[in-house]
Amino acid sequence: MVTHVLDGKSRAHLPRRPLAVSMAVVGEPGSAALAARMNGNADPSAIVHSPALLILPRVQHETLIVAVPGEGRTTFPTGTTIHVSVAVDSAQDPDPDRAQLTARDVSGLSYLELATIGPDGDRLAVTTRLEDPEVPLGPLASRARAAARAVLGVDQVPDARQTGIDVRIDTSLSMLGSVRNGSVHAIMDIVAGISSVVSADEMPRVSLIGHRSVGLPAVGVTELATRTQEALLSSKFGVGFDPSVTNEGSVSGVRRMTVSITDSASRASRGSGDPLAVTVVVSPSRAALSSPEFVGAVVPPSPNGGDTSEFLLGDPEIVDQVVEAVLRPLVHNNGRLSGTVS
């Protein structure tokens, strides 16, 4: 039989017969459930066979299929990926016509619209609501993306409220160890995860700052940490870091937040006057957090001298705390964005 794979703004047509909406979950058992909505309320015509199976015996109106956290959870646990399909409900046909939705990592979300199903002439139209394909990220960036979604309450920030990210990296000599042990690489992975939520259509801009500013070529979030690390390893480290010095390039109409990466609590405490400016301090000390002027987070390196990314993945609550701290000014200016999931 025919299988339609739906991705982006796509639609498939199925015979006008009873339909079964099924879901396979990768992650914690019971972490997700399906629901059918009509005009914002539960669709009374849908039969809930199990959290992962809905039966639509007779589709006479447009029905919205959504995924919600299961078993009383408020958000989907980290590492939750769902695979949803809509198929003709037929006991006689082992391989009926179906529409297969693109798998989606829902980690950190509290709700996700999947597809609408409604009459279209003599057939039923299945239209995906997953308009933006998921960007594949590594483990640390994925954890940061899930944390950002949990903080903001959305899959991706709506276009009208997206915020670009400008990263300014301290290249004073004291930062060299933080580059070599992977700490800056780890922070850039966290930035990549945040950027995929707050500025999906706008690539982060990175500047290496010492006595002057050097802007790096723009790259997507999948390559951000690696390309930045390569540039840092080939750079000359010297004296001084002034985050107010920038390498000005083309500026779009999207508002931007500034993330400064340094190892100095005293430098980090300088107020910039920018309400969306934050600092990430690479240090085993949490002294920066005691300053009333400090806005941002502290990322400790691995205590045994190992790779910082592996250390953070072993203690993912640190990643969650860093993401929440980095996004705090944005939340303060926007409020939580729940209800505007794309």
C-alpha atoms as a PDB file:
ATOM      1  CA  MET A   1       0.000   0.000   0.000  1.00  0.00           C
ATOM      2  CA  VAL A   2       0.959   3.664  -0.237  1.00  0.00           C
ATOM      3  CA  THR A   3       3.015   5.398   2.474  1.00  0.00           C
ATOM      4  CA  HIS A   4       3.196   9.208   2.357  1.00  0.00           C
ATOM      5  CA  VAL A   5       6.092  10.781   4.285  1.00  0.00           C
ATOM      6  CA  LEU A   6       5.100  14.231   5.516  1.00  0.00           C
ATOM      7  CA  ASP A   7       7.726  16.867   6.218  1.00  0.00           C
ATOM      8  CA  GLY A   8       7.549  20.634   6.059  1.00  0.00           C
ATOM      9  CA  LYS A   9       4.312  22.116   4.741  1.00  0.00           C
ATOM     10  CA  SER A  10       2.985  18.935   3.155  1.00  0.00           C
ATOM     11  CA  ARG A  11      -0.292  17.062   2.851  1.00  0.00           C
ATOM     12  CA  ALA A  12      -1.381  13.532   2.041  1.00  0.00           C
ATOM     13  CA  HIS A  13      -4.771  12.124   1.106  1.00  0.00           C
ATOM     14  CA  LEU A  14      -6.179   8.886   2.491  1.00  0.00           C
ATOM     15  CA  PRO A  15      -9.421   7.045   1.713  1.00  0.00           C
ATOM     16  CA  ARG A  16     -12.478   8.312   3.563  1.00  0.00           C
ATOM     17  CA  ARG A  17     -12.550   5.456   6.049  1.00  0.00           C
ATOM     18  CA  PRO A  18     -11.862   5.059   9.783  1.00  0.00           C
ATOM     19  CA  LEU A  19      -8.324   6.076  10.689  1.00  0.00           C
ATOM     20  CA  ALA A  20      -5.854   4.955  13.331  1.00  0.00           C
ATOM     21  CA  VAL A  21      -3.305   7.454  14.679  1.00  0.00           C
ATOM     22  CA  SER A  22      -0.406   5.620  16.298  1.00  0.00           C
ATOM     23  CA  MET A  23       2.777   6.745  18.000  1.00  0.00           C
ATOM     24  CA  ALA A  24       6.069   5.038  18.824  1.00  0.00           C
ATOM     25  CA  VAL A  25       8.138   6.705  21.521  1.00  0.00           C
ATOM     26  CA  VAL A  26      11.901   6.594  21.884  1.00  0.00           C
ATOM     27  CA  GLY A  27      12.748   7.483  25.471  1.00  0.00           C
ATOM     28  CA  GLU A  28      11.153   6.894  28.849  1.00  0.00           C
ATOM     29  CA  PRO A  29       8.120   4.571  28.744  1.00  0.00           C
ATOM     30  CA  GLY A  30       4.869   6.499  29.069  1.00  0.00           C
ATOM     31  CA  SER A  31       6.555   9.846  28.433  1.00  0.00           C
ATOM     32  CA  ALA A  32       4.153  10.918  25.669  1.00  0.00           C
ATOM     33  CA  ALA A  33       0.502  10.561  24.738  1.00  0.00           C
ATOM     34  CA  LEU A  34      -1.694  11.415  21.745  1.00  0.00           C
ATOM     35  CA  ALA A  35      -4.795  13.581  21.912  1.00  0.00           C
ATOM     36  CA  ALA A  36      -7.410  14.771  19.417  1.00  0.00           C
ATOM     37  CA  ARG A  37      -8.717  18.355  19.588  1.00  0.00           C
ATOM     38  CA  MET A  38     -11.659  20.102  17.945  1.00  0.00           C
ATOM     39  CA  ASN A  39     -12.035  23.872  18.392  1.00  0.00           C
ATOM     40  CA  GLY A  40      -9.593  23.773  21.311  1.00  0.00           C
ATOM     41  CA  ASN A  41     -11.400  20.998  23.205  1.00  0.00           C
ATOM     42  CA  ALA A  42     -11.158  17.210  23.247  1.00  0.00           C
ATOM     43  CA  ASP A  43     -12.723  15.727  20.118  1.00  0.00           C
ATOM     44  CA  PRO A  44     -15.605  13.542  21.384  1.00  0.00           C
ATOM     45  CA  SER A  45     -15.609  11.437  18.219  1.00  0.00           C
ATOM     46  CA  ALA A  46     -12.060  10.159  18.827  1.00  0.00           C
ATOM     47  CA  ILE A  47     -11.642   6.836  20.620  1.00  0.00           C
ATOM     48  CA  VAL A  48      -8.595   6.712  22.898  1.00  0.00           C
ATOM     49  CA  HIS A  49      -7.465   3.115  22.641  1.00  0.00           C
ATOM     50  CA  SER A  50      -4.229   3.792  24.561  1.00  0.00           C
ATOM     51  CA  PRO A  51      -1.905   6.777  25.107  1.00  0.00           C
ATOM     52  CA  ALA A  52      -0.165   5.837  21.850  1.00  0.00           C
ATOM     53  CA  LEU A  53      -3.216   4.945  19.743  1.00  0.00           C
ATOM     54  CA  LEU A  54      -6.259   6.987  18.700  1.00  0.00           C
ATOM     55  CA  ILE A  55      -9.090   5.741  16.494  1.00  0.00           C
ATOM     56  CA  LEU A  56     -11.064   8.235  14.395  1.00  0.00           C
ATOM     57  CA  PRO A  57     -14.075   6.156  13.321  1.00  0.00           C
ATOM     58  CA  ARG A  58     -15.690   8.839  11.165  1.00  0.00           C
ATOM     59  CA  VAL A  59     -13.932  12.097  10.271  1.00  0.00           C
ATOM     60  CA  GLN A  60     -16.613  14.698   9.489  1.00  0.00           C
ATOM     61  CA  HIS A  61     -14.758  17.834  10.613  1.00  0.00           C
ATOM     62  CA  GLU A  62     -11.174  19.011  10.937  1.00  0.00           C
ATOM     63  CA  THR A  63      -9.454  17.364  13.886  1.00  0.00           C
ATOM     64  CA  LEU A  64      -6.121  18.480  15.347  1.00  0.00           C
ATOM     65  CA  ILE A  65      -3.783  15.724  16.535  1.00  0.00           C
ATOM     66  CA  VAL A  66      -1.385  16.753  19.304  1.00  0.00           C
ATOM     67  CA  ALA A  67       1.243  15.145  21.504  1.00  0.00           C
ATOM     68  CA  VAL A  68       1.279  15.862  25.242  1.00  0.00           C
ATOM     69  CA  PRO A  69       3.489  14.620  28.078  1.00  0.00           C
ATOM     70  CA  GLY A  70       2.264  11.358  29.551  1.00  0.00           C
ATOM     71  CA  GLU A  71       1.585  10.081  33.054  1.00  0.00           C
ATOM     72  CA  GLY A  72       1.051  13.477  34.669  1.00  0.00           C
ATOM     73  CA  ARG A  73       4.278  15.076  33.451  1.00  0.00           C
ATOM     74  CA  THR A  74       4.326  18.787  32.611  1.00  0.00           C
ATOM     75  CA  THR A  75       7.033  18.475  29.948  1.00  0.00           C
ATOM     76  CA  PHE A  76       8.478  15.702  27.810  1.00  0.00           C
ATOM     77  CA  PRO A  77      11.628  14.248  29.392  1.00  0.00           C
ATOM     78  CA  THR A  78      14.976  14.843  27.750  1.00  0.00           C
ATOM     79  CA  GLY A  79      15.669  12.259  25.064  1.00  0.00           C
ATOM     80  CA  THR A  80      12.027  11.835  23.995  1.00  0.00           C
ATOM     81  CA  THR A  81      11.507  11.344  20.250  1.00  0.00           C
ATOM     82  CA  ILE A  82       8.120  10.501  18.783  1.00  0.00           C
ATOM     83  CA  HIS A  83       7.221   8.739  15.515  1.00  0.00           C
ATOM     84  CA  VAL A  84       3.586   9.271  14.501  1.00  0.00           C
ATOM     85  CA  SER A  85       1.624   7.797  11.610  1.00  0.00           C
ATOM     86  CA  VAL A  86      -1.972   8.050  10.419  1.00  0.00           C
ATOM     87  CA  ALA A  87      -3.274   4.937   8.667  1.00  0.00           C
ATOM     88  CA  VAL A  88      -6.525   3.459   7.433  1.00  0.00           C
ATOM     89  CA  ASP A  89      -7.906   1.358  10.281  1.00  0.00           C
ATOM     90  CA  SER A  90      -8.340  -2.043   8.674  1.00  0.00           C
ATOM     91  CA  ALA A  91      -8.081  -5.420  10.359  1.00  0.00           C
ATOM     92  CA  GLN A  92      -8.057  -7.132   6.956  1.00  0.00           C
ATOM     93  CA  ASP A  93      -5.165  -5.135   5.500  1.00  0.00           C
ATOM     94  CA  PRO A  94      -1.818  -5.652   7.286  1.00  0.00           C
ATOM     95  CA  ASP A  95      -0.238  -2.754   5.349  1.00  0.00           C
ATOM     96  CA  PRO A  96      -2.896  -0.060   4.781  1.00  0.00           C
ATOM     97  CA  ASP A  97      -2.410   3.364   3.204  1.00  0.00           C
ATOM     98  CA  ARG A  98      -0.738   5.673   5.692  1.00  0.00           C
ATOM     99  CA  ALA A  99       0.777   9.102   6.252  1.00  0.00           C
ATOM    100  CA  GLN A 100       4.051   9.018   8.187  1.00  0.00           C
ATOM    101  CA  LEU A 101       5.057  12.192  10.015  1.00  0.00           C
ATOM    102  CA  THR A 102       8.725  13.079  10.364  1.00  0.00           C
ATOM    103  CA  ALA A 103      10.129  11.949  13.703  1.00  0.00           C
ATOM    104  CA  ARG A 104      10.409  14.802  16.169  1.00  0.00           C
ATOM    105  CA  ASP A 105      12.519  15.268  19.294  1.00  0.00           C
ATOM    106  CA  VAL A 106      10.062  16.804  21.766  1.00  0.00           C
ATOM    107  CA  SER A 107      12.439  17.022  24.749  1.00  0.00           C
ATOM    108  CA  GLY A 108      11.525  19.904  27.047  1.00  0.00           C
ATOM    109  CA  LEU A 109       8.229  20.759  25.361  1.00  0.00           C
ATOM    110  CA  SER A 110       4.873  20.811  27.105  1.00  0.00           C
ATOM    111  CA  TYR A 111       2.744  20.359  23.956  1.00  0.00           C
ATOM    112  CA  LEU A 112       3.216  19.871  20.219  1.00  0.00           C
ATOM    113  CA  GLU A 113       0.726  20.116  17.356  1.00  0.00           C
ATOM    114  CA  LEU A 114       1.330  17.249  14.939  1.00  0.00           C
ATOM    115  CA  ALA A 115      -1.233  17.312  12.129  1.00  0.00           C
ATOM    116  CA  THR A 116      -4.775  18.138  11.143  1.00  0.00           C
ATOM    117  CA  ILE A 117      -7.131  15.559   9.622  1.00  0.00           C
ATOM    118  CA  GLY A 118     -10.260  16.640   7.788  1.00  0.00           C
ATOM    119  CA  PRO A 119     -12.574  15.955   4.837  1.00  0.00           C
ATOM    120  CA  ASP A 120     -11.348  17.027   1.399  1.00  0.00           C
ATOM    121  CA  GLY A 121     -13.886  16.005  -1.219  1.00  0.00           C
ATOM    122  CA  ASP A 122     -14.211  12.224  -1.311  1.00  0.00           C
ATOM    123  CA  ARG A 123     -10.946  11.772   0.646  1.00  0.00           C
ATOM    124  CA  LEU A 124      -9.404  12.731   3.977  1.00  0.00           C
ATOM    125  CA  ALA A 125      -6.540  15.224   4.048  1.00  0.00           C
ATOM    126  CA  VAL A 126      -3.716  14.767   6.564  1.00  0.00           C
ATOM    127  CA  THR A 127      -1.729  18.001   6.855  1.00  0.00           C
ATOM    128  CA  THR A 128       1.389  18.175   8.980  1.00  0.00           C
ATOM    129  CA  ARG A 129       1.845  21.001  11.488  1.00  0.00           C
ATOM    130  CA  LEU A 130       5.559  20.235  11.798  1.00  0.00           C
ATOM    131  CA  GLU A 131       6.505  22.942   9.317  1.00  0.00           C
ATOM    132  CA  ASP A 132      10.169  23.231  10.330  1.00  0.00           C
ATOM    133  CA  PRO A 133      12.282  20.055  10.086  1.00  0.00           C
ATOM    134  CA  GLU A 134      14.282  19.262  13.205  1.00  0.00           C
ATOM    135  CA  VAL A 135      17.934  20.307  12.973  1.00  0.00           C
ATOM    136  CA  PRO A 136      20.199  17.373  13.958  1.00  0.00           C
ATOM    137  CA  LEU A 137      22.454  18.305  16.884  1.00  0.00           C
ATOM    138  CA  GLY A 138      25.052  16.506  18.982  1.00  0.00           C
ATOM    139  CA  PRO A 139      24.318  15.275  22.534  1.00  0.00           C
ATOM    140  CA  LEU A 140      25.314  18.454  24.416  1.00  0.00           C
ATOM    141  CA  ALA A 141      23.639  20.844  21.987  1.00  0.00           C
ATOM    142  CA  SER A 142      20.517  18.654  22.049  1.00  0.00           C
ATOM    143  CA  ARG A 143      20.420  18.831  25.852  1.00  0.00           C
ATOM    144  CA  ALA A 144      20.727  22.618  25.659  1.00  0.00           C
ATOM    145  CA  ARG A 145      17.949  22.757  23.059  1.00  0.00           C
ATOM    146  CA  ALA A 146      15.658  20.719  25.312  1.00  0.00           C
ATOM    147  CA  ALA A 147      16.473  22.991  28.253  1.00  0.00           C
ATOM    148  CA  ALA A 148      15.771  26.105  26.180  1.00  0.00           C
ATOM    149  CA  ARG A 149      12.422  24.687  25.098  1.00  0.00           C
ATOM    150  CA  ALA A 150      11.538  23.945  28.712  1.00  0.00           C
ATOM    151  CA  VAL A 151      12.415  27.515  29.752  1.00  0.00           C
ATOM    152  CA  LEU A 152      10.559  29.203  26.872  1.00  0.00           C
ATOM    153  CA  GLY A 153       7.756  26.659  26.482  1.00  0.00           C
ATOM    154  CA  VAL A 154       8.048  26.462  22.683  1.00  0.00           C
ATOM    155  CA  ASP A 155       9.557  24.237  20.019  1.00  0.00           C
ATOM    156  CA  GLN A 156      10.901  27.310  18.214  1.00  0.00           C
ATOM    157  CA  VAL A 157      10.318  30.983  18.952  1.00  0.00           C
ATOM    158  CA  PRO A 158       7.841  32.480  16.434  1.00  0.00           C
ATOM    159  CA  ASP A 159       9.386  34.454  13.582  1.00  0.00           C
ATOM    160  CA  ALA A 160       8.219  37.824  14.906  1.00  0.00           C
ATOM    161  CA  ARG A 161       9.988  37.260  18.240  1.00  0.00           C
ATOM    162  CA  GLN A 162      13.196  35.564  17.160  1.00  0.00           C
ATOM    163  CA  THR A 163      16.450  36.807  18.669  1.00  0.00           C
ATOM    164  CA  GLY A 164      19.842  36.485  16.992  1.00  0.00           C
ATOM    165  CA  ILE A 165      22.907  35.657  19.075  1.00  0.00           C
ATOM    166  CA  ASP A 166      26.250  37.487  18.972  1.00  0.00           C
ATOM    167  CA  VAL A 167      29.050  35.579  20.707  1.00  0.00           C
ATOM    168  CA  ARG A 168      32.161  37.459  21.878  1.00  0.00           C
ATOM    169  CA  ILE A 169      35.003  35.183  22.981  1.00  0.00           C
ATOM    170  CA  ASP A 170      37.848  36.369  25.198  1.00  0.00           C
ATOM    171  CA  THR A 171      41.209  35.579  23.550  1.00  0.00           C
ATOM    172  CA  SER A 172      43.425  36.806  26.373  1.00  0.00           C
ATOM    173  CA  LEU A 173      46.216  34.373  27.259  1.00  0.00           C
ATOM    174  CA  SER A 174      44.452  33.032  30.350  1.00  0.00           C
ATOM    175  CA  MET A 175      41.703  31.591  28.120  1.00  0.00           C
ATOM    176  CA  LEU A 176      44.038  29.249  26.274  1.00  0.00           C
ATOM    177  CA  GLY A 177      43.567  26.425  28.799  1.00  0.00           C
ATOM    178  CA  SER A 178      39.784  26.716  28.508  1.00  0.00           C
ATOM    179  CA  VAL A 179      40.062  26.344  24.752  1.00  0.00           C
ATOM    180  CA  ARG A 180      42.384  23.337  24.948  1.00  0.00           C
ATOM    181  CA  ASN A 181      40.294  21.433  27.515  1.00  0.00           C
ATOM    182  CA  GLY A 182      37.147  21.837  25.415  1.00  0.00           C
ATOM    183  CA  SER A 183      35.327  24.249  27.740  1.00  0.00           C
ATOM    184  CA  VAL A 184      34.751  26.895  25.077  1.00  0.00           C
ATOM    185  CA  HIS A 185      33.757  24.187  22.606  1.00  0.00           C
ATOM    186  CA  ALA A 186      31.184  22.946  25.141  1.00  0.00           C
ATOM    187  CA  ILE A 187      29.791  26.450  25.668  1.00  0.00           C
ATOM    188  CA  MET A 188      29.467  26.927  21.916  1.00  0.00           C
ATOM    189  CA  ASP A 189      27.497  23.664  21.765  1.00  0.00           C
ATOM    190  CA  ILE A 190      25.183  25.088  24.418  1.00  0.00           C
ATOM    191  CA  VAL A 191      24.864  28.300  22.391  1.00  0.00           C
ATOM    192  CA  ALA A 192      24.020  26.201  19.321  1.00  0.00           C
ATOM    193  CA  GLY A 193      21.210  24.460  21.195  1.00  0.00           C
ATOM    194  CA  ILE A 194      19.808  27.779  22.439  1.00  0.00           C
ATOM    195  CA  SER A 195      20.101  29.371  19.004  1.00  0.00           C
ATOM    196  CA  SER A 196      18.117  26.546  17.367  1.00  0.00           C
ATOM    197  CA  VAL A 197      15.177  27.583  19.558  1.00  0.00           C
ATOM    198  CA  VAL A 198      15.418  31.388  19.758  1.00  0.00           C
ATOM    199  CA  SER A 199      16.788  32.190  16.287  1.00  0.00           C
ATOM    200  CA  ALA A 200      16.219  29.249  13.980  1.00  0.00           C
ATOM    201  CA  ASP A 201      16.411  31.420  10.838  1.00  0.00           C
ATOM    202  CA  GLU A 202      19.358  33.555  11.951  1.00  0.00           C
ATOM    203  CA  MET A 203      22.883  32.128  12.248  1.00  0.00           C
ATOM    204  CA  PRO A 204      24.897  33.096  15.351  1.00  0.00           C
ATOM    205  CA  ARG A 205      27.707  35.608  14.806  1.00  0.00           C
ATOM    206  CA  VAL A 206      31.041  34.958  16.531  1.00  0.00           C
ATOM    207  CA  SER A 207      33.845  37.417  17.282  1.00  0.00           C
ATOM    208  CA  LEU A 208      37.242  36.592  18.808  1.00  0.00           C
ATOM    209  CA  ILE A 209      38.225  39.548  20.952  1.00  0.00           C
ATOM    210  CA  GLY A 210      41.618  40.573  22.321  1.00  0.00           C
ATOM    211  CA  HIS A 211      43.148  43.956  21.609  1.00  0.00           C
ATOM    212  CA  ARG A 212      41.061  43.868  18.421  1.00  0.00           C
ATOM    213  CA  SER A 213      38.018  41.992  17.170  1.00  0.00           C
ATOM    214  CA  VAL A 214      38.068  39.274  14.504  1.00  0.00           C
ATOM    215  CA  GLY A 215      34.731  38.155  13.138  1.00  0.00           C
ATOM    216  CA  LEU A 216      34.379  34.532  12.055  1.00  0.00           C
ATOM    217  CA  PRO A 217      32.450  33.436   8.948  1.00  0.00           C
ATOM    218  CA  ALA A 218      28.851  32.620   9.794  1.00  0.00           C
ATOM    219  CA  VAL A 219      28.004  28.922  10.035  1.00  0.00           C
ATOM    220  CA  GLY A 220      24.912  26.984  11.025  1.00  0.00           C
ATOM    221  CA  VAL A 221      24.335  25.572  14.491  1.00  0.00           C
ATOM    222  CA  THR A 222      25.431  22.063  13.485  1.00  0.00           C
ATOM    223  CA  GLU A 223      28.972  23.308  12.790  1.00  0.00           C
ATOM    224  CA  LEU A 224      29.153  26.216  15.229  1.00  0.00           C
ATOM    225  CA  ALA A 225      31.214  24.642  18.021  1.00  0.00           C
ATOM    226  CA  THR A 226      33.628  22.801  15.733  1.00  0.00           C
ATOM    227  CA  ARG A 227      34.349  25.760  13.471  1.00  0.00           C
ATOM    228  CA  THR A 228      34.801  28.104  16.428  1.00  0.00           C
ATOM    229  CA  GLN A 229      37.191  25.662  18.103  1.00  0.00           C
ATOM    230  CA  GLU A 230      39.245  25.401  14.907  1.00  0.00           C
ATOM    231  CA  ALA A 231      39.483  29.186  14.653  1.00  0.00           C
ATOM    232  CA  LEU A 232      40.513  29.524  18.299  1.00  0.00           C
ATOM    233  CA  LEU A 233      43.245  26.899  18.027  1.00  0.00           C
ATOM    234  CA  SER A 234      44.781  28.784  15.123  1.00  0.00           C
ATOM    235  CA  SER A 235      44.486  32.214  16.773  1.00  0.00           C
ATOM    236  CA  LYS A 236      47.042  34.239  18.675  1.00  0.00           C
ATOM    237  CA  PHE A 237      46.181  34.789  22.325  1.00  0.00           C
ATOM    238  CA  GLY A 238      47.350  37.983  23.988  1.00  0.00           C
ATOM    239  CA  VAL A 239      46.380  40.569  26.554  1.00  0.00           C
ATOM    240  CA  GLY A 240      43.037  42.221  27.177  1.00  0.00           C
ATOM    241  CA  PHE A 241      39.364  41.575  26.546  1.00  0.00           C
ATOM    242  CA  ASP A 242      36.837  44.312  25.930  1.00  0.00           C
ATOM    243  CA  PRO A 243      33.423  42.830  25.059  1.00  0.00           C
ATOM    244  CA  SER A 244      32.218  46.237  23.890  1.00  0.00           C
ATOM    245  CA  VAL A 245      34.590  45.933  20.903  1.00  0.00           C
ATOM    246  CA  THR A 246      32.837  44.198  18.026  1.00  0.00           C
ATOM    247  CA  ASN A 247      33.468  43.281  14.448  1.00  0.00           C
ATOM    248  CA  GLU A 248      30.462  44.923  12.796  1.00  0.00           C
ATOM    249  CA  GLY A 249      28.993  43.079   9.865  1.00  0.00           C
ATOM    250  CA  SER A 250      25.700  43.034   8.075  1.00  0.00           C
ATOM    251  CA  VAL A 251      22.821  43.532  10.468  1.00  0.00           C
ATOM    252  CA  SER A 252      19.367  42.107   9.810  1.00  0.00           C
ATOM    253  CA  GLY A 253      16.166  43.403  11.317  1.00  0.00           C
ATOM    254  CA  VAL A 254      16.204  40.653  13.972  1.00  0.00           C
ATOM    255  CA  ARG A 255      16.980  41.827  17.493  1.00  0.00           C
ATOM    256  CA  ARG A 256      20.089  40.306  19.013  1.00  0.00           C
ATOM    257  CA  MET A 257      21.424  39.210  22.374  1.00  0.00           C
ATOM    258  CA  THR A 258      25.121  39.216  23.239  1.00  0.00           C
ATOM    259  CA  VAL A 259      26.873  36.275  24.907  1.00  0.00           C
ATOM    260  CA  SER A 260      30.386  37.028  26.149  1.00  0.00           C
ATOM    261  CA  ILE A 261      32.631  34.065  27.017  1.00  0.00           C
ATOM    262  CA  THR A 262      35.506  34.765  29.403  1.00  0.00           C
ATOM    263  CA  ASP A 263      37.294  33.335  32.430  1.00  0.00           C
ATOM    264  CA  SER A 264      37.393  36.510  34.492  1.00  0.00           C
ATOM    265  CA  ALA A 265      34.712  37.264  37.048  1.00  0.00           C
ATOM    266  CA  SER A 266      35.876  40.892  37.231  1.00  0.00           C
ATOM    267  CA  ARG A 267      35.500  41.341  33.471  1.00  0.00           C
ATOM    268  CA  ALA A 268      32.167  39.576  33.572  1.00  0.00           C
ATOM    269  CA  SER A 269      30.811  41.967  36.187  1.00  0.00           C
ATOM    270  CA  ARG A 270      31.070  44.999  33.945  1.00  0.00           C
ATOM    271  CA  GLY A 271      27.617  46.315  33.193  1.00  0.00           C
ATOM    272  CA  SER A 272      27.009  46.872  29.491  1.00  0.00           C
ATOM    273  CA  GLY A 273      23.641  48.587  29.665  1.00  0.00           C
ATOM    274  CA  ASP A 274      22.334  46.084  27.106  1.00  0.00           C
ATOM    275  CA  PRO A 275      19.252  44.323  28.558  1.00  0.00           C
ATOM    276  CA  LEU A 276      19.974  41.230  26.451  1.00  0.00           C
ATOM    277  CA  ALA A 277      23.697  40.954  27.255  1.00  0.00           C
ATOM    278  CA  VAL A 278      24.894  37.950  29.276  1.00  0.00           C
ATOM    279  CA  THR A 279      28.280  36.542  30.221  1.00  0.00           C
ATOM    280  CA  VAL A 280      29.343  32.921  30.500  1.00  0.00           C
ATOM    281  CA  VAL A 281      32.351  32.516  32.766  1.00  0.00           C
ATOM    282  CA  VAL A 282      34.611  29.488  32.274  1.00  0.00           C
ATOM    283  CA  SER A 283      35.846  28.824  35.788  1.00  0.00           C
ATOM    284  CA  PRO A 284      35.709  26.333  38.659  1.00  0.00           C
ATOM    285  CA  SER A 285      34.887  29.341  40.880  1.00  0.00           C
ATOM    286  CA  ARG A 286      31.350  30.648  41.270  1.00  0.00           C
ATOM    287  CA  ALA A 287      32.543  34.072  42.441  1.00  0.00           C
ATOM    288  CA  ALA A 288      30.927  35.866  39.504  1.00  0.00           C
ATOM    289  CA  LEU A 289      27.485  34.759  40.703  1.00  0.00           C
ATOM    290  CA  SER A 290      27.924  36.718  43.935  1.00  0.00           C
ATOM    291  CA  SER A 291      28.174  40.054  42.095  1.00  0.00           C
ATOM    292  CA  PRO A 292      24.851  41.929  41.911  1.00  0.00           C
ATOM    293  CA  GLU A 293      25.948  43.299  38.529  1.00  0.00           C
ATOM    294  CA  PHE A 294      26.572  39.891  37.012  1.00  0.00           C
ATOM    295  CA  VAL A 295      24.079  38.562  34.458  1.00  0.00           C
ATOM    296  CA  GLY A 296      24.869  35.152  33.110  1.00  0.00           C
ATOM    297  CA  ALA A 297      26.198  31.744  34.084  1.00  0.00           C
ATOM    298  CA  VAL A 298      29.325  29.925  35.240  1.00  0.00           C
ATOM    299  CA  VAL A 299      30.472  26.758  33.457  1.00  0.00           C
ATOM    300  CA  PRO A 300      32.952  24.694  35.486  1.00  0.00           C
ATOM    301  CA  PRO A 301      35.569  22.665  33.615  1.00  0.00           C
ATOM    302  CA  SER A 302      35.915  18.957  34.265  1.00  0.00           C
ATOM    303  CA  PRO A 303      37.403  18.599  37.775  1.00  0.00           C
ATOM    304  CA  ASN A 304      39.708  15.764  36.661  1.00  0.00           C
ATOM    305  CA  GLY A 305      41.063  17.650  33.661  1.00  0.00           C
ATOM    306  CA  GLY A 306      39.033  15.659  31.167  1.00  0.00           C
ATOM    307  CA  ASP A 307      36.845  16.881  28.333  1.00  0.00           C
ATOM    308  CA  THR A 308      34.341  19.488  29.532  1.00  0.00           C
ATOM    309  CA  SER A 309      31.580  18.284  27.196  1.00  0.00           C
ATOM    310  CA  GLU A 310      31.724  14.763  28.637  1.00  0.00           C
ATOM    311  CA  PHE A 311      31.710  16.202  32.167  1.00  0.00           C
ATOM    312  CA  LEU A 312      28.596  18.299  31.440  1.00  0.00           C
ATOM    313  CA  LEU A 313      26.792  15.379  29.824  1.00  0.00           C
ATOM    314  CA  GLY A 314      27.507  13.408  32.979  1.00  0.00           C
ATOM    315  CA  ASP A 315      25.863  16.163  35.060  1.00  0.00           C
ATOM    316  CA  PRO A 316      23.160  17.536  32.726  1.00  0.00           C
ATOM    317  CA  GLU A 317      21.558  19.646  35.468  1.00  0.00           C
ATOM    318  CA  ILE A 318      24.496  22.034  35.063  1.00  0.00           C
ATOM    319  CA  VAL A 319      23.537  22.441  31.394  1.00  0.00           C
ATOM    320  CA  ASP A 320      19.933  23.157  32.378  1.00  0.00           C
ATOM    321  CA  GLN A 321      21.078  25.785  34.887  1.00  0.00           C
ATOM    322  CA  VAL A 322      23.381  27.460  32.373  1.00  0.00           C
ATOM    323  CA  VAL A 323      20.665  27.622  29.720  1.00  0.00           C
ATOM    324  CA  GLU A 324      18.141  29.030  32.181  1.00  0.00           C
ATOM    325  CA  ALA A 325      20.612  31.713  33.289  1.00  0.00           C
ATOM    326  CA  VAL A 326      21.540  32.690  29.735  1.00  0.00           C
ATOM    327  CA  LEU A 327      17.880  32.973  28.743  1.00  0.00           C
ATOM    328  CA  ARG A 328      16.764  34.835  31.866  1.00  0.00           C
ATOM    329  CA  PRO A 329      17.028  38.323  30.273  1.00  0.00           C
ATOM    330  CA  LEU A 330      15.092  37.115  27.244  1.00  0.00           C
ATOM    331  CA  VAL A 331      12.356  35.625  29.427  1.00  0.00           C
ATOM    332  CA  HIS A 332      12.276  38.836  31.464  1.00  0.00           C
ATOM    333  CA  ASN A 333      11.702  40.841  28.285  1.00  0.00           C
ATOM    334  CA  ASN A 334       9.337  38.375  26.571  1.00  0.00           C
ATOM    335  CA  GLY A 335       7.737  36.262  29.232  1.00  0.00           C
ATOM    336  CA  ARG A 336       7.222  32.552  28.717  1.00  0.00           C
ATOM    337  CA  LEU A 337       6.108  31.841  25.151  1.00  0.00           C
ATOM    338  CA  SER A 338       3.833  28.849  25.818  1.00  0.00           C
ATOM    339  CA  GLY A 339       0.969  28.451  23.403  1.00  0.00           C
ATOM    340  CA  THR A 340       2.939  29.618  20.363  1.00  0.00           C
ATOM    341  CA  VAL A 341       4.578  26.313  19.480  1.00  0.00           C
ATOM    342  CA  SER A 342       5.456  26.221  15.802  1.00  0.00           C
END
